[in-house]
Amino acid sequence: MHFFEGSNTPWTELGDGIRRKIVGHTPQLMSVIMEFDKGAVGTPHSHEVHDQIGYVVAGSFEALIDGQARVLKPGDAFIAPHHTSHGVTALEDKSLLLDQFSPAREDYLV
């Protein structure tokens, strides 16, 4: 698959006000758009092998990365190398994050 058409790709409901669409992936890289309702929480966690960058496309988030909190707005991002605790809380309805993972998240492809 060489192209992603957002309007033709349905959201996958994750529950608790969070949805995702896989934009594309190779074995080494994955892009995922995440939509959050206001107040929805991406619970702090870390990854064993995946590095992650979360880029704010729309809305705003309070991000907690490795114990540091910061409000992120469109154009801002967080960087969470593997083993780094990270989580977000959406401050506005329909807040969007574009998450990049390396390597690809095989668990998202099931």
PDB file of N, CA and C in Angstrom:
ATOM      1  N   MET A   1       0.853  -1.178   0.000  1.00  0.00           N
ATOM      2  CA  MET A   1       0.000   0.000   0.000  1.00  0.00           C
ATOM      3  C   MET A   1       0.898   1.241   0.000  1.00  0.00           C
ATOM      4  N   HIS A   2       0.767   2.038  -1.045  1.00  0.00           N
ATOM      5  CA  HIS A   2       1.614   3.219  -1.172  1.00  0.00           C
ATOM      6  C   HIS A   2       0.907   4.518  -0.827  1.00  0.00           C
ATOM      7  N   PHE A   3      -0.413   4.450  -0.615  1.00  0.00           N
ATOM      8  CA  PHE A   3      -1.166   5.666  -0.318  1.00  0.00           C
ATOM      9  C   PHE A   3      -2.152   5.408   0.815  1.00  0.00           C
ATOM     10  N   PHE A   4      -2.448   6.480   1.570  1.00  0.00           N
ATOM     11  CA  PHE A   4      -3.442   6.430   2.639  1.00  0.00           C
ATOM     12  C   PHE A   4      -4.496   7.472   2.316  1.00  0.00           C
ATOM     13  N   GLU A   5      -5.757   7.069   2.291  1.00  0.00           N
ATOM     14  CA  GLU A   5      -6.864   7.992   2.092  1.00  0.00           C
ATOM     15  C   GLU A   5      -7.693   8.013   3.370  1.00  0.00           C
ATOM     16  N   GLY A   6      -7.521   9.068   4.143  1.00  0.00           N
ATOM     17  CA  GLY A   6      -8.187   9.161   5.436  1.00  0.00           C
ATOM     18  C   GLY A   6      -9.686   9.057   5.365  1.00  0.00           C
ATOM     19  N   SER A   7     -10.294   9.637   4.322  1.00  0.00           N
ATOM     20  CA  SER A   7     -11.757   9.616   4.219  1.00  0.00           C
ATOM     21  C   SER A   7     -12.290   8.221   3.913  1.00  0.00           C
ATOM     22  N   ASN A   8     -11.457   7.332   3.399  1.00  0.00           N
ATOM     23  CA  ASN A   8     -11.873   5.963   3.086  1.00  0.00           C
ATOM     24  C   ASN A   8     -11.426   4.950   4.128  1.00  0.00           C
ATOM     25  N   THR A   9     -10.834   5.433   5.215  1.00  0.00           N
ATOM     26  CA  THR A   9     -10.328   4.542   6.258  1.00  0.00           C
ATOM     27  C   THR A   9     -11.133   4.764   7.528  1.00  0.00           C
ATOM     28  N   PRO A  10     -11.825   3.735   8.024  1.00  0.00           N
ATOM     29  CA  PRO A  10     -12.623   3.916   9.238  1.00  0.00           C
ATOM     30  C   PRO A  10     -11.742   4.007  10.489  1.00  0.00           C
ATOM     31  N   TRP A  11     -12.266   4.666  11.509  1.00  0.00           N
ATOM     32  CA  TRP A  11     -11.604   4.707  12.812  1.00  0.00           C
ATOM     33  C   TRP A  11     -11.761   3.358  13.501  1.00  0.00           C
ATOM     34  N   THR A  12     -10.745   2.940  14.224  1.00  0.00           N
ATOM     35  CA  THR A  12     -10.828   1.797  15.120  1.00  0.00           C
ATOM     36  C   THR A  12     -11.070   2.348  16.513  1.00  0.00           C
ATOM     37  N   GLU A  13     -12.213   2.022  17.112  1.00  0.00           N
ATOM     38  CA  GLU A  13     -12.554   2.504  18.456  1.00  0.00           C
ATOM     39  C   GLU A  13     -11.735   1.740  19.491  1.00  0.00           C
ATOM     40  N   LEU A  14     -11.017   2.474  20.330  1.00  0.00           N
ATOM     41  CA  LEU A  14     -10.209   1.854  21.377  1.00  0.00           C
ATOM     42  C   LEU A  14     -10.886   1.937  22.738  1.00  0.00           C
ATOM     43  N   GLY A  15     -11.967   2.709  22.819  1.00  0.00           N
ATOM     44  CA  GLY A  15     -12.674   2.885  24.086  1.00  0.00           C
ATOM     45  C   GLY A  15     -12.169   4.094  24.837  1.00  0.00           C
ATOM     46  N   ASP A  16     -12.958   4.523  25.812  1.00  0.00           N
ATOM     47  CA  ASP A  16     -12.603   5.654  26.687  1.00  0.00           C
ATOM     48  C   ASP A  16     -12.283   6.925  25.912  1.00  0.00           C
ATOM     49  N   GLY A  17     -12.966   7.125  24.762  1.00  0.00           N
ATOM     50  CA  GLY A  17     -12.814   8.368  24.023  1.00  0.00           C
ATOM     51  C   GLY A  17     -11.599   8.455  23.122  1.00  0.00           C
ATOM     52  N   ILE A  18     -11.030   7.311  22.733  1.00  0.00           N
ATOM     53  CA  ILE A  18      -9.838   7.296  21.878  1.00  0.00           C
ATOM     54  C   ILE A  18     -10.088   6.402  20.666  1.00  0.00           C
ATOM     55  N   ARG A  19      -9.662   6.907  19.483  1.00  0.00           N
ATOM     56  CA  ARG A  19      -9.785   6.173  18.223  1.00  0.00           C
ATOM     57  C   ARG A  19      -8.456   6.253  17.476  1.00  0.00           C
ATOM     58  N   ARG A  20      -8.222   5.290  16.548  1.00  0.00           N
ATOM     59  CA  ARG A  20      -7.008   5.349  15.744  1.00  0.00           C
ATOM     60  C   ARG A  20      -7.258   4.887  14.318  1.00  0.00           C
ATOM     61  N   LYS A  21      -6.390   5.382  13.432  1.00  0.00           N
ATOM     62  CA  LYS A  21      -6.298   4.912  12.050  1.00  0.00           C
ATOM     63  C   LYS A  21      -4.820   4.677  11.770  1.00  0.00           C
ATOM     64  N   ILE A  22      -4.494   3.519  11.232  1.00  0.00           N
ATOM     65  CA  ILE A  22      -3.119   3.269  10.819  1.00  0.00           C
ATOM     66  C   ILE A  22      -2.934   3.943   9.465  1.00  0.00           C
ATOM     67  N   VAL A  23      -2.009   4.894   9.407  1.00  0.00           N
ATOM     68  CA  VAL A  23      -1.756   5.653   8.195  1.00  0.00           C
ATOM     69  C   VAL A  23      -0.925   4.825   7.221  1.00  0.00           C
ATOM     70  N   GLY A  24       0.048   4.140   7.737  1.00  0.00           N
ATOM     71  CA  GLY A  24       0.906   3.301   6.910  1.00  0.00           C
ATOM     72  C   GLY A  24       1.995   2.682   7.745  1.00  0.00           C
ATOM     73  N   HIS A  25       2.642   1.649   7.188  1.00  0.00           N
ATOM     74  CA  HIS A  25       3.716   0.997   7.920  1.00  0.00           C
ATOM     75  C   HIS A  25       4.610   0.195   7.011  1.00  0.00           C
ATOM     76  N   THR A  26       5.834   0.060   7.464  1.00  0.00           N
ATOM     77  CA  THR A  26       6.808  -0.884   6.939  1.00  0.00           C
ATOM     78  C   THR A  26       7.265  -1.670   8.159  1.00  0.00           C
ATOM     79  N   PRO A  27       8.100  -2.674   8.021  1.00  0.00           N
ATOM     80  CA  PRO A  27       8.579  -3.365   9.225  1.00  0.00           C
ATOM     81  C   PRO A  27       9.338  -2.439  10.187  1.00  0.00           C
ATOM     82  N   GLN A  28       9.963  -1.393   9.660  1.00  0.00           N
ATOM     83  CA  GLN A  28      10.787  -0.512  10.498  1.00  0.00           C
ATOM     84  C   GLN A  28      10.076   0.738  11.004  1.00  0.00           C
ATOM     85  N   LEU A  29       8.922   1.102  10.430  1.00  0.00           N
ATOM     86  CA  LEU A  29       8.294   2.383  10.754  1.00  0.00           C
ATOM     87  C   LEU A  29       6.775   2.275  10.634  1.00  0.00           C
ATOM     88  N   MET A  30       6.064   2.969  11.533  1.00  0.00           N
ATOM     89  CA  MET A  30       4.600   2.996  11.483  1.00  0.00           C
ATOM     90  C   MET A  30       4.113   4.394  11.844  1.00  0.00           C
ATOM     91  N   SER A  31       3.095   4.873  11.110  1.00  0.00           N
ATOM     92  CA  SER A  31       2.414   6.131  11.407  1.00  0.00           C
ATOM     93  C   SER A  31       0.970   5.827  11.751  1.00  0.00           C
ATOM     94  N   VAL A  32       0.485   6.420  12.837  1.00  0.00           N
ATOM     95  CA  VAL A  32      -0.865   6.174  13.321  1.00  0.00           C
ATOM     96  C   VAL A  32      -1.468   7.509  13.746  1.00  0.00           C
ATOM     97  N   ILE A  33      -2.668   7.819  13.245  1.00  0.00           N
ATOM     98  CA  ILE A  33      -3.378   9.020  13.690  1.00  0.00           C
ATOM     99  C   ILE A  33      -4.310   8.617  14.830  1.00  0.00           C
ATOM    100  N   MET A  34      -4.245   9.353  15.918  1.00  0.00           N
ATOM    101  CA  MET A  34      -5.045   9.074  17.106  1.00  0.00           C
ATOM    102  C   MET A  34      -5.956  10.277  17.364  1.00  0.00           C
ATOM    103  N   GLU A  35      -7.251   9.997  17.576  1.00  0.00           N
ATOM    104  CA  GLU A  35      -8.213  11.058  17.894  1.00  0.00           C
ATOM    105  C   GLU A  35      -8.711  10.853  19.319  1.00  0.00           C
ATOM    106  N   PHE A  36      -8.740  11.941  20.086  1.00  0.00           N
ATOM    107  CA  PHE A  36      -9.124  11.904  21.499  1.00  0.00           C
ATOM    108  C   PHE A  36     -10.304  12.833  21.747  1.00  0.00           C
ATOM    109  N   ASP A  37     -11.270  12.366  22.521  1.00  0.00           N
ATOM    110  CA  ASP A  37     -12.301  13.253  23.053  1.00  0.00           C
ATOM    111  C   ASP A  37     -11.675  14.088  24.166  1.00  0.00           C
ATOM    112  N   LYS A  38     -12.265  15.226  24.476  1.00  0.00           N
ATOM    113  CA  LYS A  38     -11.768  16.058  25.567  1.00  0.00           C
ATOM    114  C   LYS A  38     -11.757  15.242  26.856  1.00  0.00           C
ATOM    115  N   GLY A  39     -10.642  15.262  27.568  1.00  0.00           N
ATOM    116  CA  GLY A  39     -10.499  14.542  28.827  1.00  0.00           C
ATOM    117  C   GLY A  39     -10.042  13.104  28.681  1.00  0.00           C
ATOM    118  N   ALA A  40      -9.993  12.581  27.450  1.00  0.00           N
ATOM    119  CA  ALA A  40      -9.540  11.200  27.253  1.00  0.00           C
ATOM    120  C   ALA A  40      -8.053  11.097  27.607  1.00  0.00           C
ATOM    121  N   VAL A  41      -7.703   9.981  28.228  1.00  0.00           N
ATOM    122  CA  VAL A  41      -6.351   9.794  28.754  1.00  0.00           C
ATOM    123  C   VAL A  41      -5.649   8.634  28.064  1.00  0.00           C
ATOM    124  N   GLY A  42      -4.492   8.928  27.515  1.00  0.00           N
ATOM    125  CA  GLY A  42      -3.569   7.879  27.080  1.00  0.00           C
ATOM    126  C   GLY A  42      -2.696   7.578  28.284  1.00  0.00           C
ATOM    127  N   THR A  43      -3.028   6.534  29.008  1.00  0.00           N
ATOM    128  CA  THR A  43      -2.390   6.212  30.288  1.00  0.00           C
ATOM    129  C   THR A  43      -0.871   6.100  30.133  1.00  0.00           C
ATOM    130  N   PRO A  44      -0.108   6.708  31.055  1.00  0.00           N
ATOM    131  CA  PRO A  44       1.355   6.605  30.975  1.00  0.00           C
ATOM    132  C   PRO A  44       1.817   5.144  30.918  1.00  0.00           C
ATOM    133  N   HIS A  45       2.750   4.904  30.032  1.00  0.00           N
ATOM    134  CA  HIS A  45       3.302   3.566  29.816  1.00  0.00           C
ATOM    135  C   HIS A  45       4.663   3.729  29.135  1.00  0.00           C
ATOM    136  N   SER A  46       5.345   2.639  28.917  1.00  0.00           N
ATOM    137  CA  SER A  46       6.595   2.665  28.150  1.00  0.00           C
ATOM    138  C   SER A  46       6.621   1.446  27.245  1.00  0.00           C
ATOM    139  N   HIS A  47       7.520   1.472  26.277  1.00  0.00           N
ATOM    140  CA  HIS A  47       7.649   0.369  25.330  1.00  0.00           C
ATOM    141  C   HIS A  47       9.009  -0.299  25.511  1.00  0.00           C
ATOM    142  N   GLU A  48       9.031  -1.605  25.336  1.00  0.00           N
ATOM    143  CA  GLU A  48      10.286  -2.357  25.419  1.00  0.00           C
ATOM    144  C   GLU A  48      11.206  -2.072  24.237  1.00  0.00           C
ATOM    145  N   VAL A  49      10.628  -2.035  23.035  1.00  0.00           N
ATOM    146  CA  VAL A  49      11.478  -1.904  21.845  1.00  0.00           C
ATOM    147  C   VAL A  49      11.105  -0.734  20.945  1.00  0.00           C
ATOM    148  N   HIS A  50       9.942  -0.131  21.141  1.00  0.00           N
ATOM    149  CA  HIS A  50       9.470   0.903  20.218  1.00  0.00           C
ATOM    150  C   HIS A  50       9.849   2.299  20.670  1.00  0.00           C
ATOM    151  N   ASP A  51      10.514   3.044  19.782  1.00  0.00           N
ATOM    152  CA  ASP A  51      10.675   4.477  19.961  1.00  0.00           C
ATOM    153  C   ASP A  51       9.410   5.130  19.416  1.00  0.00           C
ATOM    154  N   GLN A  52       8.994   6.253  20.015  1.00  0.00           N
ATOM    155  CA  GLN A  52       7.752   6.909  19.601  1.00  0.00           C
ATOM    156  C   GLN A  52       7.926   8.409  19.571  1.00  0.00           C
ATOM    157  N   ILE A  53       7.369   9.023  18.533  1.00  0.00           N
ATOM    158  CA  ILE A  53       7.224  10.477  18.467  1.00  0.00           C
ATOM    159  C   ILE A  53       5.741  10.749  18.277  1.00  0.00           C
ATOM    160  N   GLY A  54       5.174  11.625  19.108  1.00  0.00           N
ATOM    161  CA  GLY A  54       3.772  12.019  18.998  1.00  0.00           C
ATOM    162  C   GLY A  54       3.699  13.476  18.586  1.00  0.00           C
ATOM    163  N   TYR A  55       3.197  13.760  17.392  1.00  0.00           N
ATOM    164  CA  TYR A  55       3.108  15.099  16.831  1.00  0.00           C
ATOM    165  C   TYR A  55       1.654  15.583  16.922  1.00  0.00           C
ATOM    166  N   VAL A  56       1.438  16.742  17.518  1.00  0.00           N
ATOM    167  CA  VAL A  56       0.083  17.277  17.683  1.00  0.00           C
ATOM    168  C   VAL A  56      -0.376  17.927  16.373  1.00  0.00           C
ATOM    169  N   VAL A  57      -1.428  17.355  15.792  1.00  0.00           N
ATOM    170  CA  VAL A  57      -1.993  17.852  14.547  1.00  0.00           C
ATOM    171  C   VAL A  57      -3.091  18.881  14.830  1.00  0.00           C
ATOM    172  N   ALA A  58      -3.926  18.611  15.838  1.00  0.00           N
ATOM    173  CA  ALA A  58      -5.049  19.495  16.172  1.00  0.00           C
ATOM    174  C   ALA A  58      -5.357  19.375  17.651  1.00  0.00           C
ATOM    175  N   GLY A  59      -6.010  20.410  18.204  1.00  0.00           N
ATOM    176  CA  GLY A  59      -6.370  20.381  19.620  1.00  0.00           C
ATOM    177  C   GLY A  59      -5.159  20.638  20.495  1.00  0.00           C
ATOM    178  N   SER A  60      -5.197  20.093  21.693  1.00  0.00           N
ATOM    179  CA  SER A  60      -4.069  20.243  22.609  1.00  0.00           C
ATOM    180  C   SER A  60      -4.079  19.096  23.614  1.00  0.00           C
ATOM    181  N   PHE A  61      -2.914  18.856  24.177  1.00  0.00           N
ATOM    182  CA  PHE A  61      -2.714  17.764  25.123  1.00  0.00           C
ATOM    183  C   PHE A  61      -1.835  18.216  26.270  1.00  0.00           C
ATOM    184  N   GLU A  62      -2.085  17.649  27.441  1.00  0.00           N
ATOM    185  CA  GLU A  62      -1.086  17.702  28.497  1.00  0.00           C
ATOM    186  C   GLU A  62      -0.314  16.395  28.372  1.00  0.00           C
ATOM    187  N   ALA A  63       0.974  16.512  28.117  1.00  0.00           N
ATOM    188  CA  ALA A  63       1.819  15.334  27.952  1.00  0.00           C
ATOM    189  C   ALA A  63       2.689  15.167  29.187  1.00  0.00           C
ATOM    190  N   LEU A  64       2.832  13.929  29.626  1.00  0.00           N
ATOM    191  CA  LEU A  64       3.711  13.599  30.745  1.00  0.00           C
ATOM    192  C   LEU A  64       4.761  12.634  30.195  1.00  0.00           C
ATOM    193  N   ILE A  65       5.985  13.121  30.031  1.00  0.00           N
ATOM    194  CA  ILE A  65       7.062  12.343  29.430  1.00  0.00           C
ATOM    195  C   ILE A  65       8.202  12.257  30.432  1.00  0.00           C
ATOM    196  N   ASP A  66       8.504  11.036  30.837  1.00  0.00           N
ATOM    197  CA  ASP A  66       9.617  10.797  31.766  1.00  0.00           C
ATOM    198  C   ASP A  66       9.505  11.706  33.000  1.00  0.00           C
ATOM    199  N   GLY A  67       8.256  11.884  33.495  1.00  0.00           N
ATOM    200  CA  GLY A  67       8.026  12.670  34.705  1.00  0.00           C
ATOM    201  C   GLY A  67       7.882  14.165  34.480  1.00  0.00           C
ATOM    202  N   GLN A  68       8.053  14.639  33.243  1.00  0.00           N
ATOM    203  CA  GLN A  68       7.929  16.063  32.946  1.00  0.00           C
ATOM    204  C   GLN A  68       6.610  16.327  32.239  1.00  0.00           C
ATOM    205  N   ALA A  69       5.829  17.293  32.759  1.00  0.00           N
ATOM    206  CA  ALA A  69       4.538  17.647  32.164  1.00  0.00           C
ATOM    207  C   ALA A  69       4.685  18.906  31.325  1.00  0.00           C
ATOM    208  N   ARG A  70       3.956  18.909  30.193  1.00  0.00           N
ATOM    209  CA  ARG A  70       3.967  20.082  29.331  1.00  0.00           C
ATOM    210  C   ARG A  70       2.692  20.076  28.489  1.00  0.00           C
ATOM    211  N   VAL A  71       2.126  21.267  28.249  1.00  0.00           N
ATOM    212  CA  VAL A  71       0.988  21.394  27.340  1.00  0.00           C
ATOM    213  C   VAL A  71       1.534  21.510  25.921  1.00  0.00           C
ATOM    214  N   LEU A  72       1.000  20.667  25.027  1.00  0.00           N
ATOM    215  CA  LEU A  72       1.425  20.653  23.628  1.00  0.00           C
ATOM    216  C   LEU A  72       0.267  21.074  22.744  1.00  0.00           C
ATOM    217  N   LYS A  73       0.559  21.933  21.764  1.00  0.00           N
ATOM    218  CA  LYS A  73      -0.432  22.459  20.825  1.00  0.00           C
ATOM    219  C   LYS A  73      -0.022  22.084  19.409  1.00  0.00           C
ATOM    220  N   PRO A  74      -0.876  22.333  18.418  1.00  0.00           N
ATOM    221  CA  PRO A  74      -0.525  21.961  17.043  1.00  0.00           C
ATOM    222  C   PRO A  74       0.867  22.449  16.642  1.00  0.00           C
ATOM    223  N   GLY A  75       1.619  21.532  16.077  1.00  0.00           N
ATOM    224  CA  GLY A  75       2.999  21.816  15.684  1.00  0.00           C
ATOM    225  C   GLY A  75       4.019  21.368  16.712  1.00  0.00           C
ATOM    226  N   ASP A  76       3.553  21.028  17.928  1.00  0.00           N
ATOM    227  CA  ASP A  76       4.448  20.536  18.980  1.00  0.00           C
ATOM    228  C   ASP A  76       4.494  19.008  18.933  1.00  0.00           C
ATOM    229  N   ALA A  77       5.488  18.436  19.589  1.00  0.00           N
ATOM    230  CA  ALA A  77       5.623  16.978  19.620  1.00  0.00           C
ATOM    231  C   ALA A  77       6.293  16.543  20.910  1.00  0.00           C
ATOM    232  N   PHE A  78       6.131  15.257  21.224  1.00  0.00           N
ATOM    233  CA  PHE A  78       6.925  14.642  22.289  1.00  0.00           C
ATOM    234  C   PHE A  78       7.736  13.505  21.683  1.00  0.00           C
ATOM    235  N   ILE A  79       8.874  13.242  22.303  1.00  0.00           N
ATOM    236  CA  ILE A  79       9.751  12.165  21.873  1.00  0.00           C
ATOM    237  C   ILE A  79       9.908  11.216  23.044  1.00  0.00           C
ATOM    238  N   ALA A  80       9.591   9.941  22.822  1.00  0.00           N
ATOM    239  CA  ALA A  80       9.670   8.933  23.884  1.00  0.00           C
ATOM    240  C   ALA A  80      10.446   7.718  23.366  1.00  0.00           C
ATOM    241  N   PRO A  81      11.778   7.719  23.555  1.00  0.00           N
ATOM    242  CA  PRO A  81      12.536   6.520  23.202  1.00  0.00           C
ATOM    243  C   PRO A  81      12.047   5.328  24.025  1.00  0.00           C
ATOM    244  N   HIS A  82      12.325   4.116  23.560  1.00  0.00           N
ATOM    245  CA  HIS A  82      11.879   2.932  24.301  1.00  0.00           C
ATOM    246  C   HIS A  82      12.362   3.019  25.755  1.00  0.00           C
ATOM    247  N   HIS A  83      11.592   2.435  26.657  1.00  0.00           N
ATOM    248  CA  HIS A  83      11.809   2.451  28.106  1.00  0.00           C
ATOM    249  C   HIS A  83      11.523   3.810  28.753  1.00  0.00           C
ATOM    250  N   THR A  84      10.960   4.776  28.017  1.00  0.00           N
ATOM    251  CA  THR A  84      10.641   6.092  28.566  1.00  0.00           C
ATOM    252  C   THR A  84       9.136   6.174  28.806  1.00  0.00           C
ATOM    253  N   SER A  85       8.745   6.470  30.035  1.00  0.00           N
ATOM    254  CA  SER A  85       7.326   6.597  30.369  1.00  0.00           C
ATOM    255  C   SER A  85       6.727   7.808  29.650  1.00  0.00           C
ATOM    256  N   HIS A  86       5.523   7.612  29.065  1.00  0.00           N
ATOM    257  CA  HIS A  86       4.858   8.694  28.355  1.00  0.00           C
ATOM    258  C   HIS A  86       3.351   8.473  28.365  1.00  0.00           C
ATOM    259  N   GLY A  87       2.612   9.573  28.425  1.00  0.00           N
ATOM    260  CA  GLY A  87       1.152   9.534  28.394  1.00  0.00           C
ATOM    261  C   GLY A  87       0.624  10.920  28.097  1.00  0.00           C
ATOM    262  N   VAL A  88      -0.650  10.998  27.701  1.00  0.00           N
ATOM    263  CA  VAL A  88      -1.257  12.284  27.365  1.00  0.00           C
ATOM    264  C   VAL A  88      -2.688  12.341  27.882  1.00  0.00           C
ATOM    265  N   THR A  89      -3.172  13.571  28.077  1.00  0.00           N
ATOM    266  CA  THR A  89      -4.572  13.844  28.355  1.00  0.00           C
ATOM    267  C   THR A  89      -5.019  14.919  27.369  1.00  0.00           C
ATOM    268  N   ALA A  90      -6.114  14.655  26.656  1.00  0.00           N
ATOM    269  CA  ALA A  90      -6.626  15.618  25.676  1.00  0.00           C
ATOM    270  C   ALA A  90      -7.306  16.770  26.399  1.00  0.00           C
ATOM    271  N   LEU A  91      -6.946  17.987  26.013  1.00  0.00           N
ATOM    272  CA  LEU A  91      -7.524  19.180  26.627  1.00  0.00           C
ATOM    273  C   LEU A  91      -8.676  19.756  25.809  1.00  0.00           C
ATOM    274  N   GLU A  92      -8.847  19.249  24.567  1.00  0.00           N
ATOM    275  CA  GLU A  92      -9.921  19.714  23.692  1.00  0.00           C
ATOM    276  C   GLU A  92     -10.540  18.510  22.986  1.00  0.00           C
ATOM    277  N   ASP A  93     -11.803  18.661  22.579  1.00  0.00           N
ATOM    278  CA  ASP A  93     -12.466  17.601  21.826  1.00  0.00           C
ATOM    279  C   ASP A  93     -11.830  17.460  20.447  1.00  0.00           C
ATOM    280  N   LYS A  94     -11.763  16.236  19.951  1.00  0.00           N
ATOM    281  CA  LYS A  94     -11.195  15.904  18.637  1.00  0.00           C
ATOM    282  C   LYS A  94      -9.731  16.316  18.510  1.00  0.00           C
ATOM    283  N   SER A  95      -8.997  16.217  19.611  1.00  0.00           N
ATOM    284  CA  SER A  95      -7.556  16.450  19.553  1.00  0.00           C
ATOM    285  C   SER A  95      -6.905  15.301  18.804  1.00  0.00           C
ATOM    286  N   LEU A  96      -5.952  15.628  17.923  1.00  0.00           N
ATOM    287  CA  LEU A  96      -5.315  14.623  17.069  1.00  0.00           C
ATOM    288  C   LEU A  96      -3.815  14.557  17.293  1.00  0.00           C
ATOM    289  N   LEU A  97      -3.326  13.337  17.464  1.00  0.00           N
ATOM    290  CA  LEU A  97      -1.884  13.062  17.519  1.00  0.00           C
ATOM    291  C   LEU A  97      -1.515  12.193  16.332  1.00  0.00           C
ATOM    292  N   LEU A  98      -0.403  12.497  15.689  1.00  0.00           N
ATOM    293  CA  LEU A  98       0.171  11.610  14.694  1.00  0.00           C
ATOM    294  C   LEU A  98       1.343  10.920  15.375  1.00  0.00           C
ATOM    295  N   ASP A  99       1.161   9.643  15.677  1.00  0.00           N
ATOM    296  CA  ASP A  99       2.200   8.859  16.345  1.00  0.00           C
ATOM    297  C   ASP A  99       3.061   8.147  15.314  1.00  0.00           C
ATOM    298  N   GLN A 100       4.370   8.204  15.526  1.00  0.00           N
ATOM    299  CA  GLN A 100       5.338   7.492  14.703  1.00  0.00           C
ATOM    300  C   GLN A 100       6.022   6.471  15.599  1.00  0.00           C
ATOM    301  N   PHE A 101       6.115   5.241  15.129  1.00  0.00           N
ATOM    302  CA  PHE A 101       6.754   4.175  15.891  1.00  0.00           C
ATOM    303  C   PHE A 101       7.859   3.535  15.066  1.00  0.00           C
ATOM    304  N   SER A 102       8.953   3.213  15.738  1.00  0.00           N
ATOM    305  CA  SER A 102      10.011   2.431  15.119  1.00  0.00           C
ATOM    306  C   SER A 102      10.502   1.412  16.131  1.00  0.00           C
ATOM    307  N   PRO A 103      10.475   0.125  15.786  1.00  0.00           N
ATOM    308  CA  PRO A 103       9.890  -0.460  14.584  1.00  0.00           C
ATOM    309  C   PRO A 103       8.362  -0.398  14.635  1.00  0.00           C
ATOM    310  N   ALA A 104       7.718  -0.925  13.587  1.00  0.00           N
ATOM    311  CA  ALA A 104       6.253  -0.935  13.513  1.00  0.00           C
ATOM    312  C   ALA A 104       5.661  -1.705  14.688  1.00  0.00           C
ATOM    313  N   ARG A 105       4.471  -1.281  15.119  1.00  0.00           N
ATOM    314  CA  ARG A 105       3.738  -1.946  16.197  1.00  0.00           C
ATOM    315  C   ARG A 105       2.978  -3.137  15.620  1.00  0.00           C
ATOM    316  N   GLU A 106       3.548  -4.312  15.721  1.00  0.00           N
ATOM    317  CA  GLU A 106       2.901  -5.528  15.206  1.00  0.00           C
ATOM    318  C   GLU A 106       1.550  -5.760  15.888  1.00  0.00           C
ATOM    319  N   ASP A 107       1.432  -5.382  17.175  1.00  0.00           N
ATOM    320  CA  ASP A 107       0.171  -5.593  17.904  1.00  0.00           C
ATOM    321  C   ASP A 107      -0.960  -4.768  17.328  1.00  0.00           C
ATOM    322  N   TYR A 108      -0.685  -3.670  16.620  1.00  0.00           N
ATOM    323  CA  TYR A 108      -1.720  -2.871  15.985  1.00  0.00           C
ATOM    324  C   TYR A 108      -2.246  -3.522  14.716  1.00  0.00           C
ATOM    325  N   LEU A 109      -1.497  -4.455  14.164  1.00  0.00           N
ATOM    326  CA  LEU A 109      -1.851  -5.055  12.881  1.00  0.00           C
ATOM    327  C   LEU A 109      -2.677  -6.324  12.998  1.00  0.00           C
ATOM    328  N   VAL A 110      -2.994  -6.726  14.226  1.00  0.00           N
ATOM    329  CA  VAL A 110      -3.749  -7.970  14.432  1.00  0.00           C
ATOM    330  C   VAL A 110      -5.217  -7.755  14.134  1.00  0.00           C
TER     331      VAL A 110
END
